[in-house]
Amino acid sequence: MAQSKGFTVKWKKQKKSTTGYQIQVSTNKKFAKKVTVTKTVKKNSTTKLAIKRLKPKKRYYVRVRTYKTVKGKKYCSGWSKVKTVITKK
C-alpha cells in the first residue's frame, strides 16, 4: 500500500515451521547489495510492516521470505515473487 515517502508490506501468516519473516526493499530489480535494505520481523504472528523514510515518486521492489531458527542456526525459505511499489509525492 503506497503512502507518502513510504509504504506498508503485508503478507499471509505461515502457520507451521516459522520463527519470523525477512523483508527486502530495494531500488534495484536484482536487489544489489548497495541499494537493498533487509528488515527482520521476529514474531510469527505479525503480518505487516511499515517501511518509512523513503524518497517520494520513486520505484521500490519488495520481496518476503520466512525463516526458522533451530539450535541457534537460521534456515530460510525461498524469496516470494517481487512486487513493485511507487511512493507518492
C-alpha atoms as a PDB file:
ATOM      1  CA  MET A   1       0.000   0.000   0.000  1.00  0.00           C
ATOM      2  CA  ALA A   2       1.784   3.175  -1.199  1.00  0.00           C
ATOM      3  CA  GLN A   3       1.983   6.201   1.066  1.00  0.00           C
ATOM      4  CA  SER A   4       3.874   9.475   1.028  1.00  0.00           C
ATOM      5  CA  LYS A   5       7.578   8.643   1.464  1.00  0.00           C
ATOM      6  CA  GLY A   6       6.835   5.021   2.408  1.00  0.00           C
ATOM      7  CA  PHE A   7       4.505   2.038   2.170  1.00  0.00           C
ATOM      8  CA  THR A   8       3.163  -0.944   4.116  1.00  0.00           C
ATOM      9  CA  VAL A   9       4.134  -4.516   3.247  1.00  0.00           C
ATOM     10  CA  LYS A  10       1.506  -7.197   4.009  1.00  0.00           C
ATOM     11  CA  TRP A  11       1.789 -10.985   3.763  1.00  0.00           C
ATOM     12  CA  LYS A  12      -0.122 -14.117   4.750  1.00  0.00           C
ATOM     13  CA  LYS A  13       0.697 -15.732   8.072  1.00  0.00           C
ATOM     14  CA  GLN A  14       2.586 -19.024   7.835  1.00  0.00           C
ATOM     15  CA  LYS A  15       1.186 -21.420  10.429  1.00  0.00           C
ATOM     16  CA  LYS A  16       3.891 -24.085  10.583  1.00  0.00           C
ATOM     17  CA  SER A  17       7.666 -24.125  10.977  1.00  0.00           C
ATOM     18  CA  THR A  18       8.211 -20.376  11.056  1.00  0.00           C
ATOM     19  CA  THR A  19      10.061 -18.236  13.576  1.00  0.00           C
ATOM     20  CA  GLY A  20       9.709 -14.958  11.652  1.00  0.00           C
ATOM     21  CA  TYR A  21       9.959 -13.146   8.328  1.00  0.00           C
ATOM     22  CA  GLN A  22      12.562 -11.238   6.331  1.00  0.00           C
ATOM     23  CA  ILE A  23      11.551  -8.381   4.041  1.00  0.00           C
ATOM     24  CA  GLN A  24      13.879  -6.874   1.457  1.00  0.00           C
ATOM     25  CA  VAL A  25      13.318  -3.429  -0.070  1.00  0.00           C
ATOM     26  CA  SER A  26      15.439  -2.211  -2.967  1.00  0.00           C
ATOM     27  CA  THR A  27      15.589   0.368  -5.729  1.00  0.00           C
ATOM     28  CA  ASN A  28      17.232  -2.265  -7.946  1.00  0.00           C
ATOM     29  CA  LYS A  29      15.264  -5.107  -9.611  1.00  0.00           C
ATOM     30  CA  LYS A  30      18.068  -7.554  -8.915  1.00  0.00           C
ATOM     31  CA  PHE A  31      18.420  -6.486  -5.249  1.00  0.00           C
ATOM     32  CA  ALA A  32      22.035  -5.282  -5.465  1.00  0.00           C
ATOM     33  CA  LYS A  33      23.626  -5.088  -2.004  1.00  0.00           C
ATOM     34  CA  LYS A  34      24.377  -1.337  -2.100  1.00  0.00           C
ATOM     35  CA  VAL A  35      20.728  -0.311  -2.560  1.00  0.00           C
ATOM     36  CA  THR A  36      18.940  -3.068  -0.619  1.00  0.00           C
ATOM     37  CA  VAL A  37      17.683  -2.993   2.972  1.00  0.00           C
ATOM     38  CA  THR A  38      16.659  -6.174   4.817  1.00  0.00           C
ATOM     39  CA  LYS A  39      14.183  -5.918   7.699  1.00  0.00           C
ATOM     40  CA  THR A  40      13.569  -8.825  10.091  1.00  0.00           C
ATOM     41  CA  VAL A  41      10.243  -9.470  11.822  1.00  0.00           C
ATOM     42  CA  LYS A  42      10.853 -11.792  14.761  1.00  0.00           C
ATOM     43  CA  LYS A  43       7.202 -12.641  15.541  1.00  0.00           C
ATOM     44  CA  ASN A  44       5.422 -15.304  13.519  1.00  0.00           C
ATOM     45  CA  SER A  45       2.032 -13.666  14.232  1.00  0.00           C
ATOM     46  CA  THR A  46       2.960 -10.320  12.599  1.00  0.00           C
ATOM     47  CA  THR A  47       1.639  -9.972   9.042  1.00  0.00           C
ATOM     48  CA  LYS A  48       2.539  -6.407   8.039  1.00  0.00           C
ATOM     49  CA  LEU A  49       5.423  -3.958   8.280  1.00  0.00           C
ATOM     50  CA  ALA A  50       5.537  -0.207   7.600  1.00  0.00           C
ATOM     51  CA  ILE A  51       8.511   0.941   5.547  1.00  0.00           C
ATOM     52  CA  LYS A  52       9.184   4.665   6.087  1.00  0.00           C
ATOM     53  CA  ARG A  53      11.659   7.427   5.247  1.00  0.00           C
ATOM     54  CA  LEU A  54      11.816   6.714   1.531  1.00  0.00           C
ATOM     55  CA  LYS A  55      12.098   9.107  -1.391  1.00  0.00           C
ATOM     56  CA  PRO A  56       8.826  10.336  -2.939  1.00  0.00           C
ATOM     57  CA  LYS A  57       7.830   9.349  -6.503  1.00  0.00           C
ATOM     58  CA  LYS A  58      10.401   6.542  -6.618  1.00  0.00           C
ATOM     59  CA  ARG A  59      10.036   2.888  -7.624  1.00  0.00           C
ATOM     60  CA  TYR A  60      10.857   0.258  -4.984  1.00  0.00           C
ATOM     61  CA  TYR A  61      10.988  -3.533  -5.259  1.00  0.00           C
ATOM     62  CA  VAL A  62       9.885  -5.730  -2.337  1.00  0.00           C
ATOM     63  CA  ARG A  63      10.133  -9.437  -1.533  1.00  0.00           C
ATOM     64  CA  VAL A  64       9.436 -11.565   1.558  1.00  0.00           C
ATOM     65  CA  ARG A  65      10.621 -14.907   2.933  1.00  0.00           C
ATOM     66  CA  THR A  66      10.171 -16.914   6.126  1.00  0.00           C
ATOM     67  CA  TYR A  67      12.863 -18.214   8.427  1.00  0.00           C
ATOM     68  CA  LYS A  68      13.077 -20.731  11.250  1.00  0.00           C
ATOM     69  CA  THR A  69      15.713 -20.790  13.967  1.00  0.00           C
ATOM     70  CA  VAL A  70      16.825 -24.239  15.161  1.00  0.00           C
ATOM     71  CA  LYS A  71      19.550 -24.513  17.820  1.00  0.00           C
ATOM     72  CA  GLY A  72      20.790 -21.017  17.020  1.00  0.00           C
ATOM     73  CA  LYS A  73      21.023 -21.599  13.268  1.00  0.00           C
ATOM     74  CA  LYS A  74      18.720 -19.731  10.872  1.00  0.00           C
ATOM     75  CA  TYR A  75      17.078 -21.631   7.972  1.00  0.00           C
ATOM     76  CA  CYS A  76      15.383 -19.506   5.290  1.00  0.00           C
ATOM     77  CA  SER A  77      12.787 -20.279   2.636  1.00  0.00           C
ATOM     78  CA  GLY A  78      12.985 -19.010  -0.924  1.00  0.00           C
ATOM     79  CA  TRP A  79      12.012 -15.430  -1.699  1.00  0.00           C
ATOM     80  CA  SER A  80       8.478 -14.526  -2.763  1.00  0.00           C
ATOM     81  CA  LYS A  81       7.726 -13.018  -6.159  1.00  0.00           C
ATOM     82  CA  VAL A  82       8.942  -9.431  -6.421  1.00  0.00           C
ATOM     83  CA  LYS A  83       6.321  -6.692  -6.044  1.00  0.00           C
ATOM     84  CA  THR A  84       6.799  -3.146  -7.310  1.00  0.00           C
ATOM     85  CA  VAL A  85       5.661  -0.079  -5.343  1.00  0.00           C
ATOM     86  CA  ILE A  86       5.867   3.575  -6.373  1.00  0.00           C
ATOM     87  CA  THR A  87       5.811   6.037  -3.468  1.00  0.00           C
ATOM     88  CA  LYS A  88       3.559   9.079  -3.626  1.00  0.00           C
ATOM     89  CA  LYS A  89       4.818  12.642  -3.513  1.00  0.00           C
END
